[in-house]
Amino acid sequence: MEINQLKKELGLSQQDLADFFDMNYGSFANSSAKERYENALCSFYEVAKKALEEKNIKTVDEAQTLDEKAQT
């Protein structure tokens, strides 16, 4: 998974990502470790999403899709 896909799927901003690491926006954006931070978030999300799927728990994206279908 790429960081842009993660941000889109979860509705996250760059500021949100910086907040995960207790950093301000500028520090995060200019960090030499930014790519590692982003890769770590993507990896963690993939592991968490897989675990939720195995337990048959709906993710935010799936729940929204189900809600949209129910409204039609």
N, C-alpha and C. Protein backbone atom coordinates (compact mmCIF):
# COMPACT_ATOMS: atom_id res chain seq x y z
N MET A 1 0.84 -1.17 0.00
CA MET A 1 0.00 0.00 0.00
C MET A 1 0.90 1.24 0.00
N GLU A 2 0.49 2.22 -0.75
CA GLU A 2 1.20 3.50 -0.80
C GLU A 2 0.56 4.49 0.17
N ILE A 3 1.31 5.46 0.62
CA ILE A 3 0.83 6.42 1.60
C ILE A 3 -0.37 7.21 1.07
N ASN A 4 -0.38 7.54 -0.22
CA ASN A 4 -1.52 8.29 -0.76
C ASN A 4 -2.80 7.48 -0.70
N GLN A 5 -2.71 6.18 -0.92
CA GLN A 5 -3.88 5.31 -0.83
C GLN A 5 -4.36 5.25 0.62
N LEU A 6 -3.45 5.13 1.56
CA LEU A 6 -3.80 5.10 2.97
C LEU A 6 -4.48 6.40 3.38
N LYS A 7 -3.91 7.53 2.99
CA LYS A 7 -4.49 8.82 3.33
C LYS A 7 -5.89 8.97 2.75
N LYS A 8 -6.07 8.53 1.52
CA LYS A 8 -7.39 8.63 0.88
C LYS A 8 -8.40 7.70 1.56
N GLU A 9 -7.99 6.48 1.82
CA GLU A 9 -8.88 5.49 2.42
C GLU A 9 -9.35 5.91 3.82
N LEU A 10 -8.45 6.53 4.58
CA LEU A 10 -8.77 6.90 5.95
C LEU A 10 -9.07 8.39 6.12
N GLY A 11 -8.96 9.16 5.04
CA GLY A 11 -9.24 10.58 5.11
C GLY A 11 -8.23 11.33 5.97
N LEU A 12 -6.96 10.95 5.85
CA LEU A 12 -5.90 11.55 6.66
C LEU A 12 -5.17 12.65 5.90
N SER A 13 -4.70 13.64 6.62
CA SER A 13 -3.89 14.71 6.05
C SER A 13 -2.43 14.51 6.47
N GLN A 14 -1.54 15.30 5.90
CA GLN A 14 -0.14 15.26 6.32
C GLN A 14 -0.03 15.63 7.80
N GLN A 15 -0.86 16.57 8.25
CA GLN A 15 -0.84 16.97 9.66
C GLN A 15 -1.23 15.79 10.54
N ASP A 16 -2.21 15.00 10.11
CA ASP A 16 -2.61 13.82 10.88
C ASP A 16 -1.43 12.85 11.01
N LEU A 17 -0.71 12.66 9.93
CA LEU A 17 0.44 11.76 9.97
C LEU A 17 1.50 12.30 10.93
N ALA A 18 1.75 13.59 10.88
CA ALA A 18 2.72 14.20 11.80
C ALA A 18 2.27 13.99 13.24
N ASP A 19 0.98 14.14 13.50
CA ASP A 19 0.45 13.98 14.85
C ASP A 19 0.68 12.57 15.39
N PHE A 20 0.62 11.56 14.52
CA PHE A 20 0.87 10.18 14.96
C PHE A 20 2.24 10.04 15.61
N PHE A 21 3.18 10.84 15.14
CA PHE A 21 4.55 10.75 15.64
C PHE A 21 4.89 11.90 16.57
N ASP A 22 3.85 12.60 17.03
CA ASP A 22 4.01 13.72 17.96
C ASP A 22 4.99 14.76 17.42
N MET A 23 4.82 15.07 16.13
CA MET A 23 5.68 16.04 15.45
C MET A 23 4.81 17.16 14.90
N ASN A 24 5.40 18.33 14.72
CA ASN A 24 4.64 19.37 14.02
C ASN A 24 4.78 19.11 12.52
N TYR A 25 3.95 19.80 11.75
CA TYR A 25 3.90 19.55 10.31
C TYR A 25 5.28 19.73 9.65
N GLY A 26 5.95 20.84 9.95
CA GLY A 26 7.23 21.13 9.32
C GLY A 26 8.29 20.09 9.64
N SER A 27 8.34 19.68 10.89
CA SER A 27 9.33 18.67 11.28
C SER A 27 9.08 17.35 10.57
N PHE A 28 7.82 16.97 10.46
CA PHE A 28 7.49 15.73 9.78
C PHE A 28 7.80 15.83 8.29
N ALA A 29 7.37 16.92 7.67
CA ALA A 29 7.55 17.10 6.22
C ALA A 29 9.02 17.11 5.82
N ASN A 30 9.88 17.63 6.69
CA ASN A 30 11.30 17.74 6.36
C ASN A 30 12.16 16.66 7.00
N SER A 31 11.54 15.71 7.66
CA SER A 31 12.29 14.68 8.36
C SER A 31 12.99 13.73 7.37
N SER A 32 14.21 13.39 7.68
CA SER A 32 14.92 12.41 6.85
C SER A 32 14.30 11.02 7.02
N ALA A 33 13.50 10.83 8.07
CA ALA A 33 12.86 9.55 8.33
C ALA A 33 11.41 9.50 7.84
N LYS A 34 10.95 10.55 7.16
CA LYS A 34 9.55 10.62 6.73
C LYS A 34 9.11 9.38 5.95
N GLU A 35 9.91 8.94 5.02
CA GLU A 35 9.54 7.77 4.22
C GLU A 35 9.42 6.53 5.09
N ARG A 36 10.31 6.38 6.07
CA ARG A 36 10.22 5.23 6.98
C ARG A 36 8.96 5.32 7.83
N TYR A 37 8.63 6.52 8.30
CA TYR A 37 7.40 6.71 9.08
C TYR A 37 6.18 6.32 8.25
N GLU A 38 6.14 6.81 7.02
CA GLU A 38 5.00 6.52 6.15
C GLU A 38 4.90 5.03 5.85
N ASN A 39 6.04 4.40 5.59
CA ASN A 39 6.04 2.96 5.32
C ASN A 39 5.58 2.18 6.54
N ALA A 40 5.99 2.64 7.73
CA ALA A 40 5.57 1.96 8.96
C ALA A 40 4.06 2.07 9.14
N LEU A 41 3.50 3.24 8.89
CA LEU A 41 2.04 3.41 9.00
C LEU A 41 1.31 2.50 8.02
N CYS A 42 1.79 2.45 6.79
CA CYS A 42 1.16 1.60 5.77
C CYS A 42 1.24 0.13 6.17
N SER A 43 2.39 -0.29 6.64
CA SER A 43 2.55 -1.68 7.07
C SER A 43 1.64 -2.02 8.24
N PHE A 44 1.59 -1.12 9.21
CA PHE A 44 0.72 -1.34 10.37
C PHE A 44 -0.74 -1.42 9.93
N TYR A 45 -1.15 -0.53 9.05
CA TYR A 45 -2.54 -0.54 8.58
C TYR A 45 -2.87 -1.84 7.86
N GLU A 46 -1.96 -2.31 7.04
CA GLU A 46 -2.21 -3.57 6.32
C GLU A 46 -2.37 -4.74 7.30
N VAL A 47 -1.54 -4.79 8.33
CA VAL A 47 -1.63 -5.85 9.34
C VAL A 47 -2.96 -5.74 10.10
N ALA A 48 -3.30 -4.52 10.51
CA ALA A 48 -4.54 -4.31 11.26
C ALA A 48 -5.76 -4.64 10.41
N LYS A 49 -5.74 -4.21 9.16
CA LYS A 49 -6.87 -4.46 8.26
C LYS A 49 -7.05 -5.96 8.03
N LYS A 50 -5.94 -6.68 7.85
CA LYS A 50 -6.00 -8.12 7.64
C LYS A 50 -6.58 -8.81 8.88
N ALA A 51 -6.15 -8.38 10.05
CA ALA A 51 -6.66 -8.96 11.30
C ALA A 51 -8.15 -8.72 11.44
N LEU A 52 -8.60 -7.52 11.09
CA LEU A 52 -10.03 -7.21 11.16
C LEU A 52 -10.82 -8.07 10.18
N GLU A 53 -10.28 -8.24 8.98
CA GLU A 53 -10.96 -9.07 7.98
C GLU A 53 -11.07 -10.51 8.45
N GLU A 54 -10.01 -11.02 9.08
CA GLU A 54 -10.03 -12.40 9.57
C GLU A 54 -11.07 -12.58 10.67
N LYS A 55 -11.32 -11.53 11.43
CA LYS A 55 -12.32 -11.59 12.49
C LYS A 55 -13.68 -11.12 12.01
N ASN A 56 -13.76 -10.83 10.70
CA ASN A 56 -15.00 -10.39 10.06
C ASN A 56 -15.53 -9.08 10.66
N ILE A 57 -14.62 -8.18 10.97
CA ILE A 57 -14.99 -6.86 11.47
C ILE A 57 -14.83 -5.89 10.31
N LYS A 58 -15.84 -5.10 10.05
CA LYS A 58 -15.83 -4.18 8.92
C LYS A 58 -14.90 -3.00 9.17
N THR A 59 -14.14 -2.62 8.15
CA THR A 59 -13.31 -1.43 8.24
C THR A 59 -14.16 -0.21 7.94
N VAL A 60 -13.63 0.97 8.18
CA VAL A 60 -14.36 2.21 7.93
C VAL A 60 -14.82 2.26 6.48
N ASP A 61 -13.95 1.96 5.55
CA ASP A 61 -14.27 2.02 4.13
C ASP A 61 -15.39 1.05 3.79
N GLU A 62 -15.34 -0.16 4.29
CA GLU A 62 -16.38 -1.15 4.03
C GLU A 62 -17.70 -0.74 4.66
N ALA A 63 -17.65 -0.20 5.85
CA ALA A 63 -18.87 0.22 6.54
C ALA A 63 -19.55 1.34 5.77
N GLN A 64 -18.77 2.28 5.24
CA GLN A 64 -19.35 3.37 4.46
C GLN A 64 -20.01 2.82 3.20
N THR A 65 -19.37 1.87 2.54
CA THR A 65 -19.92 1.27 1.35
C THR A 65 -21.24 0.56 1.67
N LEU A 66 -21.27 -0.16 2.78
CA LEU A 66 -22.50 -0.84 3.19
C LEU A 66 -23.61 0.16 3.50
N ASP A 67 -23.26 1.27 4.15
CA ASP A 67 -24.25 2.31 4.44
C ASP A 67 -24.80 2.92 3.16
N GLU A 68 -23.93 3.17 2.19
CA GLU A 68 -24.37 3.74 0.91
C GLU A 68 -25.32 2.78 0.20
N LYS A 69 -25.03 1.50 0.22
CA LYS A 69 -25.89 0.52 -0.43
C LYS A 69 -27.24 0.45 0.28
N ALA A 70 -27.24 0.55 1.58
CA ALA A 70 -28.48 0.47 2.35
C ALA A 70 -29.38 1.68 2.09
N GLN A 71 -28.79 2.82 1.75
CA GLN A 71 -29.56 4.03 1.53
C GLN A 71 -30.20 4.05 0.15
N THR A 72 -29.76 3.19 -0.76
CA THR A 72 -30.32 3.17 -2.11
C THR A 72 -31.41 2.16 -2.26
